[in-house]
């Protein structure tokens, strides 16, 4: 008896759904008015480092999710690892700029290039981690 091939046609939709959900999570965090003052009341001097780490973490996760979604998408077949990662990184970059622009409309929030840079550092750290994980697997 031979096993039937598994239907994997749903994987790109699930993967992109995860990306969309994570983008929504980032948007909702950014949409909180005066969040810096609120977290400072709890974190004190650790407020800025914790918030910067959170920015990096958000975009590291976004990179990994996007990289996986692109790898499962038909439009990117044959792209190779570098192009897949570059697309994911550019997607994160666009989202980081959109997020900063969005924050400029939220009371008590500001849009800064330094925050977008921190976001992209998180995505870059994830890119390096994914690169080494792929190399280890081979």
N, C-alpha and C. Protein backbone atom coordinates (compact mmCIF):
# COMPACT_ATOMS: atom_id res chain seq x y z
N UNK A 1 0.84 -1.17 0.00
CA UNK A 1 0.00 0.00 0.00
C UNK A 1 0.90 1.25 0.00
N UNK A 2 0.64 2.16 -0.91
CA UNK A 2 1.43 3.39 -0.97
C UNK A 2 0.68 4.51 -0.27
N UNK A 3 1.45 5.35 0.33
CA UNK A 3 0.86 6.49 1.04
C UNK A 3 0.50 7.58 0.04
N UNK A 4 -0.61 8.20 0.28
CA UNK A 4 -1.03 9.31 -0.56
C UNK A 4 -0.20 10.54 -0.22
N UNK A 5 0.14 11.34 -1.23
CA UNK A 5 0.90 12.56 -0.92
C UNK A 5 0.04 13.51 -0.09
N UNK A 6 0.71 14.16 0.82
CA UNK A 6 0.00 15.13 1.67
C UNK A 6 -0.27 16.41 0.89
N UNK A 7 -1.44 16.94 1.07
CA UNK A 7 -1.81 18.20 0.41
C UNK A 7 -1.19 19.34 1.21
N UNK A 8 -0.27 20.05 0.58
CA UNK A 8 0.40 21.17 1.26
C UNK A 8 0.02 22.50 0.64
N UNK A 9 -1.03 22.52 -0.17
CA UNK A 9 -1.41 23.75 -0.86
C UNK A 9 -1.88 24.84 0.10
N UNK A 10 -2.23 24.48 1.31
CA UNK A 10 -2.70 25.45 2.30
C UNK A 10 -1.56 26.13 3.03
N UNK A 11 -0.35 25.60 2.96
CA UNK A 11 0.77 26.14 3.74
C UNK A 11 1.08 27.61 3.46
N UNK A 12 1.09 28.05 2.20
CA UNK A 12 1.35 29.48 1.99
C UNK A 12 0.29 30.37 2.64
N UNK A 13 -0.95 29.94 2.60
CA UNK A 13 -2.02 30.75 3.20
C UNK A 13 -1.86 30.84 4.72
N UNK A 14 -1.52 29.72 5.33
CA UNK A 14 -1.28 29.74 6.79
C UNK A 14 -0.06 30.59 7.13
N UNK A 15 0.98 30.45 6.33
CA UNK A 15 2.21 31.20 6.59
C UNK A 15 1.98 32.71 6.45
N UNK A 16 1.29 33.12 5.38
CA UNK A 16 1.01 34.54 5.20
C UNK A 16 -0.01 35.04 6.23
N UNK A 17 -0.90 34.15 6.67
CA UNK A 17 -1.82 34.50 7.75
C UNK A 17 -1.07 34.81 9.03
N UNK A 18 -0.02 34.03 9.31
CA UNK A 18 0.81 34.29 10.49
C UNK A 18 1.53 35.63 10.36
N UNK A 19 2.01 35.94 9.16
CA UNK A 19 2.67 37.24 8.92
C UNK A 19 1.67 38.37 9.16
N UNK A 20 0.49 38.24 8.59
CA UNK A 20 -0.54 39.27 8.76
C UNK A 20 -0.94 39.45 10.21
N UNK A 21 -1.04 38.35 10.94
CA UNK A 21 -1.37 38.42 12.36
C UNK A 21 -0.29 39.15 13.13
N UNK A 22 0.97 38.85 12.82
CA UNK A 22 2.08 39.49 13.53
C UNK A 22 2.16 40.98 13.20
N UNK A 23 1.91 41.34 11.94
CA UNK A 23 1.87 42.76 11.57
C UNK A 23 0.77 43.46 12.35
N UNK A 24 -0.36 42.80 12.52
CA UNK A 24 -1.46 43.37 13.31
C UNK A 24 -1.04 43.54 14.77
N UNK A 25 -0.33 42.57 15.33
CA UNK A 25 0.16 42.69 16.71
C UNK A 25 1.07 43.90 16.84
N UNK A 26 2.00 44.07 15.90
CA UNK A 26 2.90 45.23 15.93
C UNK A 26 2.09 46.52 15.85
N UNK A 27 1.12 46.55 14.96
CA UNK A 27 0.27 47.73 14.80
C UNK A 27 -0.46 48.05 16.10
N UNK A 28 -1.02 47.04 16.75
CA UNK A 28 -1.78 47.27 17.98
C UNK A 28 -0.88 47.76 19.12
N UNK A 29 0.35 47.22 19.20
CA UNK A 29 1.29 47.74 20.21
C UNK A 29 1.61 49.20 19.92
N UNK A 30 1.79 49.53 18.66
CA UNK A 30 2.13 50.91 18.28
C UNK A 30 0.96 51.87 18.46
N UNK A 31 -0.23 51.35 18.52
CA UNK A 31 -1.42 52.18 18.60
C UNK A 31 -1.78 52.57 20.03
N UNK A 32 -0.98 52.16 21.00
CA UNK A 32 -1.25 52.46 22.40
C UNK A 32 -0.73 53.86 22.74
N UNK A 33 -1.65 54.74 23.06
CA UNK A 33 -1.28 56.12 23.39
C UNK A 33 -0.48 56.18 24.68
N UNK A 34 0.54 57.00 24.68
CA UNK A 34 1.37 57.27 25.87
C UNK A 34 1.97 56.00 26.48
N UNK A 35 2.26 55.00 25.65
CA UNK A 35 2.75 53.73 26.19
C UNK A 35 4.13 53.87 26.84
N UNK A 36 4.94 54.80 26.36
CA UNK A 36 6.25 54.99 26.98
C UNK A 36 6.14 55.43 28.42
N UNK A 37 5.22 56.34 28.70
CA UNK A 37 5.03 56.82 30.07
C UNK A 37 4.46 55.71 30.95
N UNK A 38 3.58 54.90 30.38
CA UNK A 38 2.99 53.80 31.15
C UNK A 38 4.05 52.78 31.53
N UNK A 39 4.86 52.36 30.56
CA UNK A 39 5.88 51.35 30.87
C UNK A 39 6.98 51.92 31.77
N UNK A 40 7.25 53.22 31.65
CA UNK A 40 8.27 53.82 32.52
C UNK A 40 7.84 53.77 33.98
N UNK A 41 6.55 53.87 34.23
CA UNK A 41 6.06 53.79 35.61
C UNK A 41 6.36 52.41 36.22
N UNK A 42 6.35 51.38 35.39
CA UNK A 42 6.61 50.02 35.87
C UNK A 42 8.09 49.64 35.81
N UNK A 43 8.77 50.08 34.76
CA UNK A 43 10.13 49.62 34.52
C UNK A 43 11.22 50.57 35.00
N UNK A 44 10.87 51.83 35.21
CA UNK A 44 11.85 52.81 35.68
C UNK A 44 12.99 52.97 34.69
N UNK A 45 14.21 52.83 35.19
CA UNK A 45 15.40 53.02 34.36
C UNK A 45 15.55 51.96 33.27
N UNK A 46 14.91 50.83 33.44
CA UNK A 46 15.01 49.75 32.44
C UNK A 46 14.04 49.96 31.28
N UNK A 47 13.24 51.03 31.33
CA UNK A 47 12.21 51.25 30.32
C UNK A 47 12.77 51.27 28.90
N UNK A 48 13.76 52.11 28.66
CA UNK A 48 14.27 52.27 27.30
C UNK A 48 14.91 50.98 26.79
N UNK A 49 15.82 50.34 27.55
CA UNK A 49 16.39 49.09 27.03
C UNK A 49 15.35 48.00 26.78
N UNK A 50 14.38 47.88 27.65
CA UNK A 50 13.35 46.85 27.47
C UNK A 50 12.53 47.16 26.22
N UNK A 51 12.17 48.41 26.02
CA UNK A 51 11.37 48.77 24.84
C UNK A 51 12.17 48.58 23.55
N UNK A 52 13.45 48.89 23.57
CA UNK A 52 14.28 48.70 22.37
C UNK A 52 14.43 47.21 22.08
N UNK A 53 14.62 46.41 23.12
CA UNK A 53 14.69 44.96 22.93
C UNK A 53 13.38 44.43 22.36
N UNK A 54 12.26 44.97 22.83
CA UNK A 54 10.95 44.55 22.32
C UNK A 54 10.82 44.88 20.84
N UNK A 55 11.31 46.06 20.43
CA UNK A 55 11.30 46.42 19.01
C UNK A 55 12.11 45.39 18.21
N UNK A 56 13.29 45.06 18.69
CA UNK A 56 14.14 44.10 17.99
C UNK A 56 13.46 42.74 17.91
N UNK A 57 12.87 42.30 19.00
CA UNK A 57 12.20 41.00 19.03
C UNK A 57 11.02 40.96 18.06
N UNK A 58 10.21 42.02 18.06
CA UNK A 58 9.05 42.08 17.15
C UNK A 58 9.49 41.89 15.70
N UNK A 59 10.55 42.54 15.31
CA UNK A 59 10.98 42.49 13.92
C UNK A 59 11.81 41.26 13.61
N UNK A 60 12.44 40.67 14.60
CA UNK A 60 13.09 39.37 14.38
C UNK A 60 12.03 38.31 14.07
N UNK A 61 10.96 38.32 14.84
CA UNK A 61 9.86 37.39 14.60
C UNK A 61 9.23 37.66 13.24
N UNK A 62 9.01 38.93 12.90
CA UNK A 62 8.42 39.27 11.61
C UNK A 62 9.30 38.77 10.47
N UNK A 63 10.61 38.92 10.60
CA UNK A 63 11.51 38.43 9.56
C UNK A 63 11.38 36.92 9.39
N UNK A 64 11.41 36.18 10.48
CA UNK A 64 11.33 34.72 10.40
C UNK A 64 10.01 34.29 9.77
N UNK A 65 8.92 34.88 10.21
CA UNK A 65 7.61 34.53 9.65
C UNK A 65 7.53 34.86 8.17
N UNK A 66 8.03 36.03 7.80
CA UNK A 66 7.97 36.44 6.39
C UNK A 66 8.89 35.58 5.54
N UNK A 67 10.05 35.28 6.04
CA UNK A 67 11.01 34.43 5.30
C UNK A 67 10.40 33.06 5.03
N UNK A 68 9.73 32.50 6.03
CA UNK A 68 9.08 31.21 5.86
C UNK A 68 7.92 31.32 4.86
N UNK A 69 7.10 32.36 4.98
CA UNK A 69 5.96 32.52 4.08
C UNK A 69 6.42 32.66 2.63
N UNK A 70 7.47 33.43 2.42
CA UNK A 70 7.98 33.61 1.06
C UNK A 70 8.50 32.28 0.52
N UNK A 71 9.17 31.51 1.37
CA UNK A 71 9.72 30.23 0.91
C UNK A 71 8.63 29.24 0.51
N UNK A 72 7.42 29.41 1.04
CA UNK A 72 6.30 28.53 0.71
C UNK A 72 5.44 29.06 -0.43
N UNK A 73 5.77 30.23 -0.94
CA UNK A 73 4.95 30.86 -1.97
C UNK A 73 5.43 30.49 -3.37
N UNK A 74 4.48 30.26 -4.25
CA UNK A 74 4.79 29.86 -5.62
C UNK A 74 5.56 30.94 -6.37
N UNK A 75 5.27 32.21 -6.10
CA UNK A 75 5.93 33.28 -6.84
C UNK A 75 7.43 33.34 -6.58
N UNK A 76 7.89 32.72 -5.50
CA UNK A 76 9.30 32.80 -5.14
C UNK A 76 10.04 31.49 -5.38
N UNK A 77 9.44 30.57 -6.11
CA UNK A 77 10.12 29.29 -6.35
C UNK A 77 11.39 29.54 -7.16
N UNK A 78 12.45 28.95 -6.72
CA UNK A 78 13.73 29.11 -7.40
C UNK A 78 14.50 30.36 -7.04
N UNK A 79 14.02 31.13 -6.08
CA UNK A 79 14.70 32.37 -5.72
C UNK A 79 16.05 32.13 -5.03
N UNK A 80 16.16 31.08 -4.27
CA UNK A 80 17.38 30.85 -3.49
C UNK A 80 17.30 31.56 -2.16
N UNK A 81 18.17 31.16 -1.25
CA UNK A 81 18.13 31.65 0.13
C UNK A 81 18.35 33.15 0.26
N UNK A 82 19.27 33.70 -0.53
CA UNK A 82 19.59 35.13 -0.40
C UNK A 82 18.40 35.99 -0.84
N UNK A 83 17.79 35.65 -1.95
CA UNK A 83 16.66 36.45 -2.43
C UNK A 83 15.45 36.33 -1.49
N UNK A 84 15.23 35.12 -0.96
CA UNK A 84 14.13 34.95 -0.01
C UNK A 84 14.35 35.83 1.21
N UNK A 85 15.56 35.82 1.73
CA UNK A 85 15.87 36.62 2.91
C UNK A 85 15.84 38.10 2.61
N UNK A 86 16.33 38.49 1.44
CA UNK A 86 16.31 39.91 1.07
C UNK A 86 14.87 40.41 0.96
N UNK A 87 13.99 39.61 0.34
CA UNK A 87 12.58 39.99 0.25
C UNK A 87 11.99 40.16 1.64
N UNK A 88 12.26 39.21 2.54
CA UNK A 88 11.73 39.28 3.91
C UNK A 88 12.27 40.51 4.62
N UNK A 89 13.55 40.81 4.42
CA UNK A 89 14.15 41.98 5.07
C UNK A 89 13.52 43.27 4.56
N UNK A 90 13.32 43.37 3.25
CA UNK A 90 12.70 44.57 2.68
C UNK A 90 11.25 44.71 3.12
N UNK A 91 10.56 43.59 3.28
CA UNK A 91 9.19 43.62 3.80
C UNK A 91 9.20 44.19 5.23
N UNK A 92 10.16 43.73 6.04
CA UNK A 92 10.29 44.25 7.41
C UNK A 92 10.62 45.73 7.40
N UNK A 93 11.49 46.15 6.50
CA UNK A 93 11.86 47.56 6.39
C UNK A 93 10.63 48.41 6.06
N UNK A 94 9.85 47.98 5.10
CA UNK A 94 8.64 48.72 4.76
C UNK A 94 7.68 48.79 5.92
N UNK A 95 7.54 47.69 6.64
CA UNK A 95 6.64 47.68 7.79
C UNK A 95 7.18 48.58 8.91
N UNK A 96 8.49 48.61 9.09
CA UNK A 96 9.08 49.47 10.13
C UNK A 96 8.81 50.94 9.83
N UNK A 97 8.98 51.34 8.57
CA UNK A 97 8.70 52.74 8.20
C UNK A 97 7.21 53.06 8.33
N UNK A 98 6.37 52.13 7.89
CA UNK A 98 4.93 52.35 8.04
C UNK A 98 4.56 52.47 9.52
N UNK A 99 5.15 51.63 10.36
CA UNK A 99 4.86 51.65 11.79
C UNK A 99 5.27 52.97 12.42
N UNK A 100 6.43 53.47 12.05
CA UNK A 100 6.87 54.75 12.59
C UNK A 100 5.96 55.88 12.11
N UNK A 101 5.57 55.85 10.85
CA UNK A 101 4.65 56.85 10.33
C UNK A 101 3.32 56.79 11.09
N UNK A 102 2.82 55.58 11.30
CA UNK A 102 1.57 55.39 12.04
C UNK A 102 1.69 55.97 13.45
N UNK A 103 2.83 55.75 14.11
CA UNK A 103 3.01 56.24 15.48
C UNK A 103 2.98 57.77 15.55
N UNK A 104 3.30 58.42 14.44
CA UNK A 104 3.29 59.89 14.46
C UNK A 104 1.88 60.45 14.66
N UNK A 105 0.86 59.63 14.48
CA UNK A 105 -0.52 60.05 14.67
C UNK A 105 -1.10 59.62 16.02
N UNK A 106 -0.34 58.87 16.79
CA UNK A 106 -0.83 58.34 18.07
C UNK A 106 -0.38 59.29 19.19
N UNK A 107 -1.32 59.74 20.03
CA UNK A 107 -0.96 60.66 21.12
C UNK A 107 0.11 60.05 22.04
N UNK A 108 1.12 60.86 22.33
CA UNK A 108 2.18 60.41 23.24
C UNK A 108 3.21 59.51 22.59
N UNK A 109 3.12 59.31 21.28
CA UNK A 109 4.08 58.49 20.55
C UNK A 109 4.80 59.39 19.55
N UNK A 110 5.96 58.94 19.12
CA UNK A 110 6.71 59.72 18.14
C UNK A 110 7.24 58.77 17.07
N UNK A 111 7.56 59.34 15.94
CA UNK A 111 8.14 58.59 14.83
C UNK A 111 9.61 58.96 14.75
N UNK A 112 10.48 57.96 14.92
CA UNK A 112 11.91 58.25 14.86
C UNK A 112 12.61 57.25 13.95
N UNK A 113 13.60 57.75 13.24
CA UNK A 113 14.40 56.89 12.39
C UNK A 113 15.21 55.90 13.24
N UNK A 114 15.57 56.32 14.45
CA UNK A 114 16.34 55.42 15.32
C UNK A 114 15.53 54.18 15.71
N UNK A 115 14.22 54.34 15.92
CA UNK A 115 13.39 53.16 16.22
C UNK A 115 13.30 52.23 15.02
N UNK A 116 13.18 52.79 13.82
CA UNK A 116 13.16 51.96 12.62
C UNK A 116 14.50 51.23 12.46
N UNK A 117 15.59 51.89 12.83
CA UNK A 117 16.91 51.27 12.77
C UNK A 117 17.00 50.11 13.76
N UNK A 118 16.48 50.30 14.96
CA UNK A 118 16.45 49.22 15.95
C UNK A 118 15.61 48.05 15.43
N UNK A 119 14.47 48.36 14.81
CA UNK A 119 13.64 47.31 14.22
C UNK A 119 14.44 46.50 13.20
N UNK A 120 15.18 47.21 12.35
CA UNK A 120 15.91 46.52 11.30
C UNK A 120 17.10 45.75 11.84
N UNK A 121 17.64 46.18 12.98
CA UNK A 121 18.69 45.39 13.64
C UNK A 121 18.12 44.04 14.08
N UNK A 122 16.90 44.06 14.60
CA UNK A 122 16.25 42.82 14.99
C UNK A 122 16.05 41.90 13.80
N UNK A 123 15.61 42.47 12.68
CA UNK A 123 15.42 41.67 11.46
C UNK A 123 16.76 41.13 10.96
N UNK A 124 17.81 41.93 11.06
CA UNK A 124 19.14 41.49 10.61
C UNK A 124 19.68 40.37 11.50
N UNK A 125 19.46 40.47 12.79
CA UNK A 125 19.89 39.40 13.70
C UNK A 125 19.17 38.10 13.34
N UNK A 126 17.88 38.21 13.03
CA UNK A 126 17.13 37.02 12.62
C UNK A 126 17.65 36.48 11.29
N UNK A 127 18.01 37.37 10.37
CA UNK A 127 18.55 36.93 9.08
C UNK A 127 19.83 36.13 9.30
N UNK A 128 20.72 36.62 10.14
CA UNK A 128 21.97 35.91 10.43
C UNK A 128 21.67 34.56 11.09
N UNK A 129 20.74 34.55 12.03
CA UNK A 129 20.38 33.30 12.70
C UNK A 129 19.81 32.29 11.71
N UNK A 130 18.92 32.73 10.83
CA UNK A 130 18.34 31.84 9.81
C UNK A 130 19.44 31.33 8.88
N UNK A 131 20.34 32.20 8.49
CA UNK A 131 21.45 31.81 7.61
C UNK A 131 22.25 30.67 8.24
N UNK A 132 22.62 30.83 9.51
CA UNK A 132 23.41 29.79 10.16
C UNK A 132 22.61 28.51 10.41
N UNK A 133 21.35 28.64 10.70
CA UNK A 133 20.51 27.45 10.88
C UNK A 133 20.39 26.67 9.57
N UNK A 134 20.26 27.36 8.46
CA UNK A 134 20.20 26.69 7.16
C UNK A 134 21.52 25.99 6.87
N UNK A 135 22.62 26.66 7.17
CA UNK A 135 23.95 26.05 6.93
C UNK A 135 24.17 24.83 7.80
N UNK A 136 23.70 24.89 9.04
CA UNK A 136 23.86 23.76 9.96
C UNK A 136 23.05 22.56 9.46
N UNK A 137 21.85 22.83 8.95
CA UNK A 137 20.99 21.75 8.46
C UNK A 137 21.57 21.05 7.25
N UNK A 138 22.36 21.74 6.43
CA UNK A 138 22.92 21.14 5.22
C UNK A 138 24.11 20.27 5.49
